[in-house]
Amino acid sequence: MAQQQYEANVAQASVIKAKSQKSLSGVKIVINPGHGGEETGAVDPTGYFASYANLKVSKLLAAELRKYGAIVVMTRDNDKYLSLSARQEIINQEQPTIAVTIHYTFAEDYEDAEQTKGIRAFWYHPQSKSLAVFIHNYLTRKLGRAEGGVFWNNLALTRPEVAPSVVLELGFFSNPEEFEWITNNKEQTKLASTLALSIVEWFKNAKK
């Protein structure tokens, strides 16, 4: 227990140091909250939409990244519909250092809903692979979440070439246990903080 507390204290000290040093100063990051408006994405029987969770976590992530000095551009900051081409256009116009799409998903009909879980990351251009792999591994390790895997996929939001662009699927609405984690305010804040730190660490490693 004492060792765990020590490690937590060291980790917290590292976060404070990174923020004080503004380790992402000058770095522009586009955050794209998936879905929105009439395009709700996955939906829970209670009527909670994936688009809500996407936006909530994206806003929390944006706030965290700004603490590190990053310039953050959101493709949407409210519950509105935005086409895939419009999202691509924002990335291309902004020419960010990286672009990150936030998603939650639902098990396919052929999958076991109670067994399908975990964090997944998608990339298309080779320049994006290391970012996808790093974020996936960092989140699953630090948060103790299941490894959903890292996949090459020709998706609309992995396709932009102007910057490393990845799509993150952070959990499955169809998994009852995972849904509780997805919608928990405390866990959403923890996820956003950890995701921001994973980006900080990726940039740190990329400079080596």
N, C-alpha and C. Protein backbone atom coordinates (compact mmCIF):
# COMPACT_ATOMS: atom_id res chain seq x y z
N MET A 1 0.84 -1.21 0.00
CA MET A 1 0.00 0.00 0.00
C MET A 1 0.87 1.26 0.00
N ALA A 2 1.93 1.23 0.83
CA ALA A 2 2.84 2.37 0.90
C ALA A 2 3.53 2.61 -0.44
N GLN A 3 3.89 1.49 -1.12
CA GLN A 3 4.54 1.60 -2.43
C GLN A 3 3.61 2.21 -3.45
N GLN A 4 2.33 1.80 -3.41
CA GLN A 4 1.34 2.35 -4.34
C GLN A 4 1.16 3.85 -4.12
N GLN A 5 1.15 4.26 -2.86
CA GLN A 5 1.00 5.68 -2.54
C GLN A 5 2.21 6.47 -3.02
N TYR A 6 3.38 5.86 -2.84
CA TYR A 6 4.62 6.50 -3.30
C TYR A 6 4.58 6.72 -4.81
N GLU A 7 4.18 5.67 -5.55
CA GLU A 7 4.11 5.76 -7.00
C GLU A 7 3.09 6.81 -7.43
N ALA A 8 1.97 6.88 -6.72
CA ALA A 8 0.94 7.87 -7.04
C ALA A 8 1.47 9.28 -6.81
N ASN A 9 2.24 9.46 -5.73
CA ASN A 9 2.81 10.77 -5.43
C ASN A 9 3.83 11.19 -6.48
N VAL A 10 4.65 10.22 -6.92
CA VAL A 10 5.64 10.50 -7.96
C VAL A 10 4.95 10.90 -9.26
N ALA A 11 3.89 10.14 -9.61
CA ALA A 11 3.14 10.43 -10.84
C ALA A 11 2.52 11.82 -10.78
N GLN A 12 1.96 12.17 -9.62
CA GLN A 12 1.34 13.48 -9.46
C GLN A 12 2.37 14.59 -9.57
N ALA A 13 3.55 14.37 -9.00
CA ALA A 13 4.63 15.36 -9.07
C ALA A 13 5.06 15.57 -10.52
N SER A 14 5.08 14.48 -11.30
CA SER A 14 5.46 14.57 -12.71
C SER A 14 4.45 15.39 -13.51
N VAL A 15 3.17 15.20 -13.19
CA VAL A 15 2.11 15.94 -13.86
C VAL A 15 2.24 17.43 -13.56
N ILE A 16 2.44 17.76 -12.29
CA ILE A 16 2.57 19.16 -11.88
C ILE A 16 3.77 19.81 -12.58
N LYS A 17 4.88 19.07 -12.66
CA LYS A 17 6.08 19.59 -13.31
C LYS A 17 5.83 19.84 -14.79
N ALA A 18 5.17 18.86 -15.46
CA ALA A 18 4.90 18.99 -16.90
C ALA A 18 4.00 20.19 -17.18
N LYS A 19 3.02 20.41 -16.33
CA LYS A 19 2.11 21.53 -16.52
C LYS A 19 2.83 22.86 -16.28
N SER A 20 3.66 22.89 -15.24
CA SER A 20 4.36 24.12 -14.92
C SER A 20 5.35 24.50 -16.03
N GLN A 21 5.89 23.49 -16.69
CA GLN A 21 6.83 23.73 -17.78
C GLN A 21 6.14 23.96 -19.12
N LYS A 22 4.79 23.86 -19.13
CA LYS A 22 4.01 24.04 -20.36
C LYS A 22 4.62 23.19 -21.48
N SER A 23 4.70 21.90 -21.25
CA SER A 23 5.40 21.00 -22.16
C SER A 23 4.76 20.88 -23.54
N LEU A 24 3.53 21.38 -23.71
CA LEU A 24 2.91 21.37 -25.03
C LEU A 24 2.79 22.78 -25.61
N SER A 25 3.59 23.69 -25.10
CA SER A 25 3.55 25.07 -25.58
C SER A 25 3.81 25.13 -27.09
N GLY A 26 2.91 25.79 -27.80
CA GLY A 26 3.05 25.93 -29.25
C GLY A 26 2.51 24.77 -30.06
N VAL A 27 2.07 23.71 -29.38
CA VAL A 27 1.52 22.54 -30.07
C VAL A 27 0.02 22.75 -30.30
N LYS A 28 -0.40 22.64 -31.57
CA LYS A 28 -1.83 22.77 -31.88
C LYS A 28 -2.44 21.38 -32.01
N ILE A 29 -3.53 21.17 -31.31
CA ILE A 29 -4.21 19.86 -31.31
C ILE A 29 -5.68 20.06 -31.66
N VAL A 30 -6.14 19.35 -32.68
CA VAL A 30 -7.56 19.33 -33.00
C VAL A 30 -8.20 18.15 -32.27
N ILE A 31 -9.25 18.43 -31.51
CA ILE A 31 -10.04 17.38 -30.86
C ILE A 31 -11.39 17.32 -31.56
N ASN A 32 -11.73 16.13 -32.00
CA ASN A 32 -12.98 15.95 -32.72
C ASN A 32 -13.92 15.04 -31.92
N PRO A 33 -14.92 15.61 -31.23
CA PRO A 33 -15.90 14.78 -30.53
C PRO A 33 -16.83 14.12 -31.54
N GLY A 34 -16.85 12.80 -31.58
CA GLY A 34 -17.65 12.09 -32.57
C GLY A 34 -19.15 12.34 -32.42
N HIS A 35 -19.86 12.18 -33.54
CA HIS A 35 -21.32 12.31 -33.60
C HIS A 35 -21.76 13.72 -33.20
N GLY A 36 -23.03 13.86 -32.80
CA GLY A 36 -23.57 15.17 -32.44
C GLY A 36 -24.88 15.46 -33.13
N GLY A 37 -25.74 16.21 -32.47
CA GLY A 37 -27.05 16.52 -33.04
C GLY A 37 -27.89 15.27 -33.24
N GLU A 38 -28.49 15.18 -34.43
CA GLU A 38 -29.34 14.02 -34.71
C GLU A 38 -28.54 12.74 -34.88
N GLU A 39 -27.23 12.88 -35.08
CA GLU A 39 -26.37 11.70 -35.18
C GLU A 39 -25.86 11.37 -33.78
N THR A 40 -26.63 10.55 -33.07
CA THR A 40 -26.37 10.33 -31.64
C THR A 40 -25.28 9.30 -31.37
N GLY A 41 -25.03 8.42 -32.33
CA GLY A 41 -24.10 7.32 -32.07
C GLY A 41 -24.77 6.28 -31.20
N ALA A 42 -23.99 5.49 -30.51
CA ALA A 42 -24.53 4.44 -29.63
C ALA A 42 -25.46 5.06 -28.59
N VAL A 43 -26.48 4.30 -28.21
CA VAL A 43 -27.43 4.81 -27.21
C VAL A 43 -27.73 3.72 -26.19
N ASP A 44 -27.78 4.11 -24.94
CA ASP A 44 -28.11 3.21 -23.84
C ASP A 44 -29.63 3.16 -23.68
N PRO A 45 -30.18 2.07 -23.10
CA PRO A 45 -31.64 2.00 -22.90
C PRO A 45 -32.21 3.17 -22.11
N THR A 46 -31.36 3.84 -21.31
CA THR A 46 -31.83 4.99 -20.54
C THR A 46 -31.94 6.25 -21.39
N GLY A 47 -31.42 6.18 -22.64
CA GLY A 47 -31.47 7.34 -23.52
C GLY A 47 -30.22 8.19 -23.49
N TYR A 48 -29.16 7.68 -22.92
CA TYR A 48 -27.88 8.41 -22.88
C TYR A 48 -27.13 8.12 -24.17
N PHE A 49 -26.77 9.18 -24.91
CA PHE A 49 -26.14 9.04 -26.22
C PHE A 49 -24.61 9.07 -26.14
N ALA A 50 -24.00 8.34 -27.06
CA ALA A 50 -22.54 8.38 -27.16
C ALA A 50 -22.07 9.80 -27.47
N SER A 51 -22.86 10.53 -28.23
CA SER A 51 -22.47 11.90 -28.59
C SER A 51 -22.28 12.77 -27.34
N TYR A 52 -23.07 12.50 -26.28
CA TYR A 52 -22.92 13.25 -25.03
C TYR A 52 -21.58 12.95 -24.38
N ALA A 53 -21.27 11.65 -24.28
CA ALA A 53 -20.01 11.23 -23.66
C ALA A 53 -18.82 11.73 -24.48
N ASN A 54 -18.93 11.66 -25.81
CA ASN A 54 -17.85 12.15 -26.67
C ASN A 54 -17.53 13.60 -26.38
N LEU A 55 -18.59 14.42 -26.29
CA LEU A 55 -18.40 15.85 -26.07
C LEU A 55 -17.88 16.14 -24.66
N LYS A 56 -18.43 15.44 -23.68
CA LYS A 56 -18.02 15.67 -22.28
C LYS A 56 -16.52 15.39 -22.12
N VAL A 57 -16.09 14.22 -22.56
CA VAL A 57 -14.68 13.85 -22.41
C VAL A 57 -13.78 14.75 -23.25
N SER A 58 -14.24 15.13 -24.44
CA SER A 58 -13.46 16.02 -25.30
C SER A 58 -13.24 17.38 -24.65
N LYS A 59 -14.27 17.93 -24.01
CA LYS A 59 -14.13 19.21 -23.32
C LYS A 59 -13.17 19.10 -22.14
N LEU A 60 -13.27 18.02 -21.40
CA LEU A 60 -12.36 17.80 -20.28
C LEU A 60 -10.93 17.65 -20.78
N LEU A 61 -10.77 16.92 -21.88
CA LEU A 61 -9.45 16.73 -22.48
C LEU A 61 -8.88 18.06 -22.94
N ALA A 62 -9.70 18.88 -23.59
CA ALA A 62 -9.24 20.18 -24.08
C ALA A 62 -8.74 21.05 -22.92
N ALA A 63 -9.48 21.04 -21.82
CA ALA A 63 -9.08 21.82 -20.65
C ALA A 63 -7.74 21.35 -20.10
N GLU A 64 -7.55 20.04 -20.06
CA GLU A 64 -6.29 19.48 -19.57
C GLU A 64 -5.12 19.85 -20.49
N LEU A 65 -5.32 19.71 -21.78
CA LEU A 65 -4.25 20.01 -22.74
C LEU A 65 -3.85 21.48 -22.69
N ARG A 66 -4.82 22.35 -22.47
CA ARG A 66 -4.51 23.78 -22.37
C ARG A 66 -3.65 24.08 -21.15
N LYS A 67 -3.82 23.29 -20.10
CA LYS A 67 -2.98 23.47 -18.91
C LYS A 67 -1.51 23.17 -19.22
N TYR A 68 -1.29 22.31 -20.21
CA TYR A 68 0.08 21.99 -20.63
C TYR A 68 0.59 22.98 -21.67
N GLY A 69 -0.24 23.96 -22.01
CA GLY A 69 0.19 24.98 -22.96
C GLY A 69 -0.25 24.76 -24.39
N ALA A 70 -0.99 23.71 -24.67
CA ALA A 70 -1.40 23.41 -26.04
C ALA A 70 -2.44 24.39 -26.55
N ILE A 71 -2.43 24.60 -27.86
CA ILE A 71 -3.48 25.34 -28.55
C ILE A 71 -4.50 24.30 -29.01
N VAL A 72 -5.70 24.37 -28.48
CA VAL A 72 -6.70 23.33 -28.76
C VAL A 72 -7.83 23.89 -29.62
N VAL A 73 -8.13 23.16 -30.68
CA VAL A 73 -9.25 23.50 -31.56
C VAL A 73 -10.25 22.34 -31.50
N MET A 74 -11.50 22.65 -31.18
CA MET A 74 -12.57 21.64 -31.15
C MET A 74 -13.36 21.73 -32.44
N THR A 75 -13.64 20.57 -33.07
CA THR A 75 -14.48 20.61 -34.27
C THR A 75 -15.91 20.98 -33.91
N ARG A 76 -16.32 20.63 -32.73
CA ARG A 76 -17.62 21.08 -32.20
C ARG A 76 -17.51 21.21 -30.69
N ASP A 77 -18.18 22.21 -30.12
CA ASP A 77 -18.16 22.38 -28.67
C ASP A 77 -19.57 22.38 -28.09
N ASN A 78 -20.53 21.93 -28.91
CA ASN A 78 -21.90 21.75 -28.41
C ASN A 78 -22.53 20.58 -29.16
N ASP A 79 -23.77 20.27 -28.82
CA ASP A 79 -24.43 19.10 -29.39
C ASP A 79 -25.05 19.44 -30.75
N LYS A 80 -24.20 19.53 -31.76
CA LYS A 80 -24.69 19.85 -33.10
C LYS A 80 -24.18 18.81 -34.10
N TYR A 81 -24.90 18.69 -35.19
CA TYR A 81 -24.47 17.77 -36.26
C TYR A 81 -23.35 18.41 -37.06
N LEU A 82 -22.36 17.61 -37.41
CA LEU A 82 -21.25 18.08 -38.23
C LEU A 82 -20.85 16.92 -39.14
N SER A 83 -20.86 17.17 -40.44
CA SER A 83 -20.55 16.09 -41.38
C SER A 83 -19.09 15.66 -41.26
N LEU A 84 -18.82 14.47 -41.75
CA LEU A 84 -17.44 13.97 -41.73
C LEU A 84 -16.53 14.85 -42.58
N SER A 85 -17.05 15.31 -43.72
CA SER A 85 -16.24 16.16 -44.60
C SER A 85 -15.94 17.50 -43.93
N ALA A 86 -16.90 18.03 -43.15
CA ALA A 86 -16.67 19.29 -42.44
C ALA A 86 -15.60 19.12 -41.37
N ARG A 87 -15.60 17.97 -40.72
CA ARG A 87 -14.58 17.69 -39.71
C ARG A 87 -13.20 17.57 -40.37
N GLN A 88 -13.17 16.89 -41.51
CA GLN A 88 -11.90 16.78 -42.24
C GLN A 88 -11.40 18.16 -42.65
N GLU A 89 -12.32 19.00 -43.10
CA GLU A 89 -11.95 20.34 -43.56
C GLU A 89 -11.34 21.17 -42.43
N ILE A 90 -11.91 21.03 -41.23
CA ILE A 90 -11.37 21.77 -40.07
C ILE A 90 -9.92 21.33 -39.81
N ILE A 91 -9.68 20.02 -39.84
CA ILE A 91 -8.32 19.51 -39.62
C ILE A 91 -7.37 20.04 -40.68
N ASN A 92 -7.80 19.99 -41.93
CA ASN A 92 -6.94 20.45 -43.04
C ASN A 92 -6.68 21.95 -42.97
N GLN A 93 -7.68 22.72 -42.57
CA GLN A 93 -7.50 24.17 -42.48
C GLN A 93 -6.63 24.56 -41.29
N GLU A 94 -6.82 23.88 -40.17
CA GLU A 94 -6.08 24.23 -38.95
C GLU A 94 -4.63 23.77 -39.01
N GLN A 95 -4.37 22.71 -39.80
CA GLN A 95 -3.02 22.15 -39.90
C GLN A 95 -2.40 21.94 -38.51
N PRO A 96 -3.04 21.13 -37.69
CA PRO A 96 -2.56 20.93 -36.31
C PRO A 96 -1.31 20.05 -36.27
N THR A 97 -0.75 19.93 -35.09
CA THR A 97 0.36 19.01 -34.89
C THR A 97 -0.15 17.58 -34.86
N ILE A 98 -1.30 17.38 -34.21
CA ILE A 98 -1.99 16.08 -34.23
C ILE A 98 -3.50 16.34 -34.19
N ALA A 99 -4.27 15.32 -34.58
CA ALA A 99 -5.73 15.39 -34.49
C ALA A 99 -6.23 14.11 -33.83
N VAL A 100 -7.14 14.27 -32.88
CA VAL A 100 -7.64 13.12 -32.11
C VAL A 100 -9.16 13.13 -32.13
N THR A 101 -9.75 12.03 -32.58
CA THR A 101 -11.20 11.87 -32.57
C THR A 101 -11.61 11.01 -31.38
N ILE A 102 -12.60 11.48 -30.63
CA ILE A 102 -13.09 10.78 -29.45
C ILE A 102 -14.41 10.10 -29.77
N HIS A 103 -14.45 8.80 -29.52
CA HIS A 103 -15.64 8.00 -29.83
C HIS A 103 -15.94 7.01 -28.71
N TYR A 104 -17.22 6.64 -28.62
CA TYR A 104 -17.63 5.45 -27.88
C TYR A 104 -18.44 4.62 -28.86
N THR A 105 -18.54 3.34 -28.61
CA THR A 105 -19.13 2.48 -29.62
C THR A 105 -20.07 1.45 -29.00
N PHE A 106 -20.55 0.52 -29.82
CA PHE A 106 -21.51 -0.51 -29.42
C PHE A 106 -21.09 -1.81 -30.08
N ALA A 107 -21.24 -2.91 -29.40
CA ALA A 107 -20.85 -4.20 -29.97
C ALA A 107 -21.68 -4.50 -31.22
N GLU A 108 -21.04 -5.15 -32.19
CA GLU A 108 -21.75 -5.57 -33.40
C GLU A 108 -22.73 -6.70 -33.05
N ASP A 109 -23.69 -6.93 -33.94
CA ASP A 109 -24.71 -7.95 -33.69
C ASP A 109 -24.11 -9.34 -33.47
N TYR A 110 -23.00 -9.61 -34.14
CA TYR A 110 -22.38 -10.93 -34.04
C TYR A 110 -21.47 -11.07 -32.81
N GLU A 111 -21.28 -9.98 -32.07
CA GLU A 111 -20.41 -10.01 -30.90
C GLU A 111 -21.19 -10.21 -29.61
N ASP A 112 -20.53 -10.78 -28.62
CA ASP A 112 -21.12 -10.95 -27.29
C ASP A 112 -21.03 -9.62 -26.56
N ALA A 113 -22.18 -8.99 -26.36
CA ALA A 113 -22.19 -7.64 -25.78
C ALA A 113 -21.53 -7.57 -24.42
N GLU A 114 -21.68 -8.61 -23.60
CA GLU A 114 -21.13 -8.57 -22.25
C GLU A 114 -19.65 -8.90 -22.21
N GLN A 115 -19.13 -9.43 -23.30
CA GLN A 115 -17.71 -9.78 -23.36
C GLN A 115 -16.89 -8.77 -24.17
N THR A 116 -17.56 -8.04 -25.04
CA THR A 116 -16.86 -7.09 -25.90
C THR A 116 -16.63 -5.80 -25.14
N LYS A 117 -15.37 -5.46 -24.94
CA LYS A 117 -15.04 -4.28 -24.15
C LYS A 117 -13.63 -3.80 -24.49
N GLY A 118 -13.27 -2.68 -23.92
CA GLY A 118 -11.89 -2.21 -24.07
C GLY A 118 -11.75 -0.93 -24.86
N ILE A 119 -10.53 -0.43 -24.85
CA ILE A 119 -10.16 0.78 -25.59
C ILE A 119 -9.50 0.38 -26.90
N ARG A 120 -9.94 1.00 -28.00
CA ARG A 120 -9.38 0.71 -29.31
C ARG A 120 -8.87 2.00 -29.95
N ALA A 121 -7.87 1.84 -30.78
CA ALA A 121 -7.30 3.00 -31.49
C ALA A 121 -7.13 2.65 -32.97
N PHE A 122 -7.37 3.64 -33.84
CA PHE A 122 -7.31 3.42 -35.29
C PHE A 122 -6.39 4.45 -35.94
N TRP A 123 -5.66 4.00 -36.94
CA TRP A 123 -4.76 4.87 -37.70
C TRP A 123 -4.84 4.45 -39.17
N TYR A 124 -4.38 5.32 -40.06
CA TYR A 124 -4.37 5.00 -41.48
C TYR A 124 -3.01 5.28 -42.11
N HIS A 125 -2.57 6.53 -42.03
CA HIS A 125 -1.25 6.88 -42.58
C HIS A 125 -0.15 6.44 -41.61
N PRO A 126 0.98 5.99 -42.13
CA PRO A 126 2.08 5.52 -41.26
C PRO A 126 2.49 6.52 -40.18
N GLN A 127 2.37 7.82 -40.48
CA GLN A 127 2.77 8.84 -39.51
C GLN A 127 1.91 8.81 -38.24
N SER A 128 0.74 8.17 -38.34
CA SER A 128 -0.20 8.16 -37.22
C SER A 128 -0.09 6.91 -36.34
N LYS A 129 0.62 5.92 -36.82
CA LYS A 129 0.62 4.63 -36.12
C LYS A 129 1.20 4.73 -34.72
N SER A 130 2.34 5.39 -34.56
CA SER A 130 2.98 5.44 -33.25
C SER A 130 2.10 6.15 -32.23
N LEU A 131 1.36 7.18 -32.67
CA LEU A 131 0.46 7.91 -31.78
C LEU A 131 -0.66 7.00 -31.31
N ALA A 132 -1.26 6.26 -32.25
CA ALA A 132 -2.36 5.35 -31.91
C ALA A 132 -1.89 4.27 -30.94
N VAL A 133 -0.75 3.69 -31.22
CA VAL A 133 -0.21 2.62 -30.37
C VAL A 133 0.11 3.15 -28.98
N PHE A 134 0.76 4.30 -28.94
CA PHE A 134 1.18 4.86 -27.65
C PHE A 134 -0.03 5.18 -26.77
N ILE A 135 -1.01 5.88 -27.34
CA ILE A 135 -2.19 6.25 -26.55
C ILE A 135 -2.93 5.01 -26.06
N HIS A 136 -3.14 4.04 -26.94
CA HIS A 136 -3.84 2.81 -26.57
C HIS A 136 -3.13 2.12 -25.41
N ASN A 137 -1.83 1.94 -25.53
CA ASN A 137 -1.08 1.23 -24.50
C ASN A 137 -1.03 2.01 -23.19
N TYR A 138 -0.90 3.32 -23.29
CA TYR A 138 -0.82 4.16 -22.10
C TYR A 138 -2.15 4.13 -21.33
N LEU A 139 -3.25 4.30 -22.04
CA LEU A 139 -4.56 4.33 -21.38
C LEU A 139 -4.90 2.99 -20.75
N THR A 140 -4.69 1.91 -21.48
CA THR A 140 -5.05 0.60 -20.94
C THR A 140 -4.20 0.26 -19.72
N ARG A 141 -2.94 0.66 -19.76
CA ARG A 141 -2.05 0.35 -18.64
C ARG A 141 -2.37 1.22 -17.42
N LYS A 142 -2.49 2.51 -17.63
CA LYS A 142 -2.69 3.43 -16.51
C LYS A 142 -4.10 3.35 -15.91
N LEU A 143 -5.09 3.04 -16.75
CA LEU A 143 -6.47 3.00 -16.27
C LEU A 143 -6.95 1.59 -15.94
N GLY A 144 -6.13 0.60 -16.29
CA GLY A 144 -6.52 -0.78 -16.03
C GLY A 144 -7.69 -1.24 -16.89
N ARG A 145 -7.81 -0.67 -18.09
CA ARG A 145 -8.91 -1.04 -18.99
C ARG A 145 -8.46 -2.16 -19.92
N ALA A 146 -9.42 -2.85 -20.48
CA ALA A 146 -9.13 -3.95 -21.41
C ALA A 146 -8.50 -3.41 -22.69
N GLU A 147 -7.60 -4.20 -23.27
CA GLU A 147 -6.96 -3.82 -24.53
C GLU A 147 -7.84 -4.24 -25.70
N GLY A 148 -8.48 -3.25 -26.32
CA GLY A 148 -9.32 -3.54 -27.47
C GLY A 148 -8.52 -3.71 -28.75
N GLY A 149 -7.30 -3.13 -28.76
CA GLY A 149 -6.42 -3.30 -29.91
C GLY A 149 -6.18 -2.01 -30.68
N VAL A 150 -5.17 -2.05 -31.52
CA VAL A 150 -4.83 -0.93 -32.40
C VAL A 150 -4.96 -1.43 -33.84
N PHE A 151 -5.68 -0.68 -34.68
CA PHE A 151 -6.03 -1.18 -36.01
C PHE A 151 -5.75 -0.15 -37.10
N TRP A 152 -5.28 -0.66 -38.25
CA TRP A 152 -5.21 0.15 -39.45
C TRP A 152 -6.61 0.17 -40.04
N ASN A 153 -7.11 1.38 -40.37
CA ASN A 153 -8.46 1.46 -40.94
C ASN A 153 -8.61 2.77 -41.71
N ASN A 154 -9.16 2.66 -42.90
CA ASN A 154 -9.36 3.81 -43.77
C ASN A 154 -10.66 4.53 -43.40
N LEU A 155 -10.63 5.20 -42.26
CA LEU A 155 -11.79 5.93 -41.76
C LEU A 155 -11.69 7.41 -42.17
N ALA A 156 -12.82 8.08 -42.21
CA ALA A 156 -12.83 9.49 -42.60
C ALA A 156 -11.91 10.33 -41.73
N LEU A 157 -11.85 10.01 -40.44
CA LEU A 157 -11.07 10.85 -39.53
C LEU A 157 -9.68 10.29 -39.23
N THR A 158 -9.32 9.18 -39.86
CA THR A 158 -7.91 8.78 -39.85
C THR A 158 -7.24 9.18 -41.15
N ARG A 159 -8.05 9.62 -42.12
CA ARG A 159 -7.57 9.88 -43.48
C ARG A 159 -6.80 11.19 -43.67
N PRO A 160 -7.08 12.24 -42.88
CA PRO A 160 -6.33 13.49 -43.11
C PRO A 160 -4.82 13.27 -43.05
N GLU A 161 -4.11 13.85 -44.01
CA GLU A 161 -2.66 13.65 -44.09
C GLU A 161 -1.87 14.81 -43.50
N VAL A 162 -2.53 15.91 -43.20
CA VAL A 162 -1.82 17.11 -42.77
C VAL A 162 -1.14 16.92 -41.41
N ALA A 163 -1.62 15.93 -40.64
CA ALA A 163 -1.04 15.67 -39.31
C ALA A 163 -1.39 14.24 -38.90
N PRO A 164 -0.63 13.66 -37.96
CA PRO A 164 -1.03 12.37 -37.42
C PRO A 164 -2.46 12.46 -36.89
N SER A 165 -3.34 11.62 -37.42
CA SER A 165 -4.76 11.68 -37.06
C SER A 165 -5.22 10.30 -36.61
N VAL A 166 -5.73 10.22 -35.41
CA VAL A 166 -6.16 8.93 -34.86
C VAL A 166 -7.60 9.02 -34.38
N VAL A 167 -8.26 7.87 -34.40
CA VAL A 167 -9.61 7.74 -33.85
C VAL A 167 -9.53 6.82 -32.64
N LEU A 168 -10.05 7.29 -31.52
CA LEU A 168 -10.05 6.49 -30.29
C LEU A 168 -11.48 6.08 -29.97
N GLU A 169 -11.67 4.78 -29.76
CA GLU A 169 -12.94 4.27 -29.24
C GLU A 169 -12.67 3.89 -27.80
N LEU A 170 -13.25 4.65 -26.88
CA LEU A 170 -12.86 4.57 -25.47
C LEU A 170 -13.72 3.63 -24.63
N GLY A 171 -14.66 2.94 -25.25
CA GLY A 171 -15.47 2.00 -24.48
C GLY A 171 -16.73 1.60 -25.23
N PHE A 172 -17.38 0.57 -24.71
CA PHE A 172 -18.57 0.00 -25.35
C PHE A 172 -19.82 0.25 -24.51
N PHE A 173 -20.77 0.94 -25.10
CA PHE A 173 -22.06 1.17 -24.45
C PHE A 173 -22.79 -0.14 -24.19
N SER A 174 -22.52 -1.13 -24.99
CA SER A 174 -23.23 -2.41 -24.90
C SER A 174 -22.76 -3.28 -23.75
N ASN A 175 -21.64 -2.93 -23.15
CA ASN A 175 -21.13 -3.69 -22.01
C ASN A 175 -21.58 -3.00 -20.72
N PRO A 176 -22.45 -3.65 -19.93
CA PRO A 176 -23.03 -2.99 -18.75
C PRO A 176 -21.98 -2.46 -17.78
N GLU A 177 -20.94 -3.24 -17.53
CA GLU A 177 -19.89 -2.81 -16.60
C GLU A 177 -19.13 -1.60 -17.16
N GLU A 178 -18.83 -1.67 -18.44
CA GLU A 178 -18.08 -0.58 -19.06
C GLU A 178 -18.93 0.68 -19.17
N PHE A 179 -20.22 0.51 -19.40
CA PHE A 179 -21.11 1.68 -19.49
C PHE A 179 -21.10 2.48 -18.19
N GLU A 180 -21.05 1.77 -17.07
CA GLU A 180 -20.98 2.45 -15.77
C GLU A 180 -19.73 3.31 -15.68
N TRP A 181 -18.63 2.79 -16.21
CA TRP A 181 -17.36 3.52 -16.21
C TRP A 181 -17.44 4.71 -17.16
N ILE A 182 -18.02 4.49 -18.34
CA ILE A 182 -18.12 5.54 -19.36
C ILE A 182 -18.88 6.76 -18.86
N THR A 183 -19.94 6.54 -18.10
CA THR A 183 -20.83 7.63 -17.70
C THR A 183 -20.55 8.19 -16.31
N ASN A 184 -19.53 7.66 -15.63
CA ASN A 184 -19.18 8.12 -14.29
C ASN A 184 -18.36 9.41 -14.39
N ASN A 185 -18.84 10.47 -13.77
CA ASN A 185 -18.18 11.78 -13.88
C ASN A 185 -16.73 11.74 -13.42
N LYS A 186 -16.49 11.06 -12.32
CA LYS A 186 -15.13 10.97 -11.78
C LYS A 186 -14.20 10.24 -12.75
N GLU A 187 -14.72 9.16 -13.34
CA GLU A 187 -13.92 8.37 -14.28
C GLU A 187 -13.69 9.14 -15.59
N GLN A 188 -14.67 9.94 -16.00
CA GLN A 188 -14.51 10.77 -17.20
C GLN A 188 -13.37 11.77 -17.00
N THR A 189 -13.33 12.36 -15.83
CA THR A 189 -12.26 13.32 -15.51
C THR A 189 -10.91 12.63 -15.48
N LYS A 190 -10.88 11.46 -14.86
CA LYS A 190 -9.63 10.69 -14.79
C LYS A 190 -9.16 10.27 -16.18
N LEU A 191 -10.09 9.85 -17.02
CA LEU A 191 -9.77 9.46 -18.39
C LEU A 191 -9.17 10.63 -19.16
N ALA A 192 -9.81 11.79 -19.07
CA ALA A 192 -9.33 12.97 -19.80
C ALA A 192 -7.93 13.36 -19.34
N SER A 193 -7.71 13.32 -18.04
CA SER A 193 -6.40 13.67 -17.49
C SER A 193 -5.32 12.69 -17.97
N THR A 194 -5.66 11.40 -17.96
CA THR A 194 -4.70 10.38 -18.39
C THR A 194 -4.44 10.46 -19.88
N LEU A 195 -5.49 10.74 -20.65
CA LEU A 195 -5.34 10.87 -22.09
C LEU A 195 -4.45 12.07 -22.43
N ALA A 196 -4.64 13.17 -21.73
CA ALA A 196 -3.80 14.35 -21.94
C ALA A 196 -2.34 14.03 -21.64
N LEU A 197 -2.11 13.30 -20.55
CA LEU A 197 -0.74 12.96 -20.18
C LEU A 197 -0.12 12.00 -21.19
N SER A 198 -0.94 11.12 -21.77
CA SER A 198 -0.41 10.22 -22.80
C SER A 198 0.08 11.00 -24.00
N ILE A 199 -0.61 12.08 -24.34
CA ILE A 199 -0.19 12.93 -25.46
C ILE A 199 1.10 13.67 -25.12
N VAL A 200 1.18 14.16 -23.88
CA VAL A 200 2.41 14.81 -23.42
C VAL A 200 3.59 13.85 -23.53
N GLU A 201 3.40 12.62 -23.07
CA GLU A 201 4.47 11.63 -23.07
C GLU A 201 4.84 11.21 -24.49
N TRP A 202 3.85 11.14 -25.39
CA TRP A 202 4.14 10.79 -26.78
C TRP A 202 5.04 11.85 -27.42
N PHE A 203 4.71 13.10 -27.20
CA PHE A 203 5.55 14.18 -27.74
C PHE A 203 6.94 14.14 -27.14
N LYS A 204 7.03 13.84 -25.87
CA LYS A 204 8.32 13.77 -25.19
C LYS A 204 9.17 12.67 -25.83
N ASN A 205 8.57 11.52 -26.07
CA ASN A 205 9.28 10.40 -26.70
C ASN A 205 9.62 10.69 -28.16
N ALA A 206 8.74 11.42 -28.84
CA ALA A 206 8.96 11.71 -30.25
C ALA A 206 10.17 12.62 -30.44
N LYS A 207 10.50 13.40 -29.43
CA LYS A 207 11.62 14.33 -29.51
C LYS A 207 12.98 13.63 -29.29
N LYS A 208 12.93 12.43 -28.75
CA LYS A 208 14.18 11.72 -28.43
C LYS A 208 14.87 11.19 -29.68
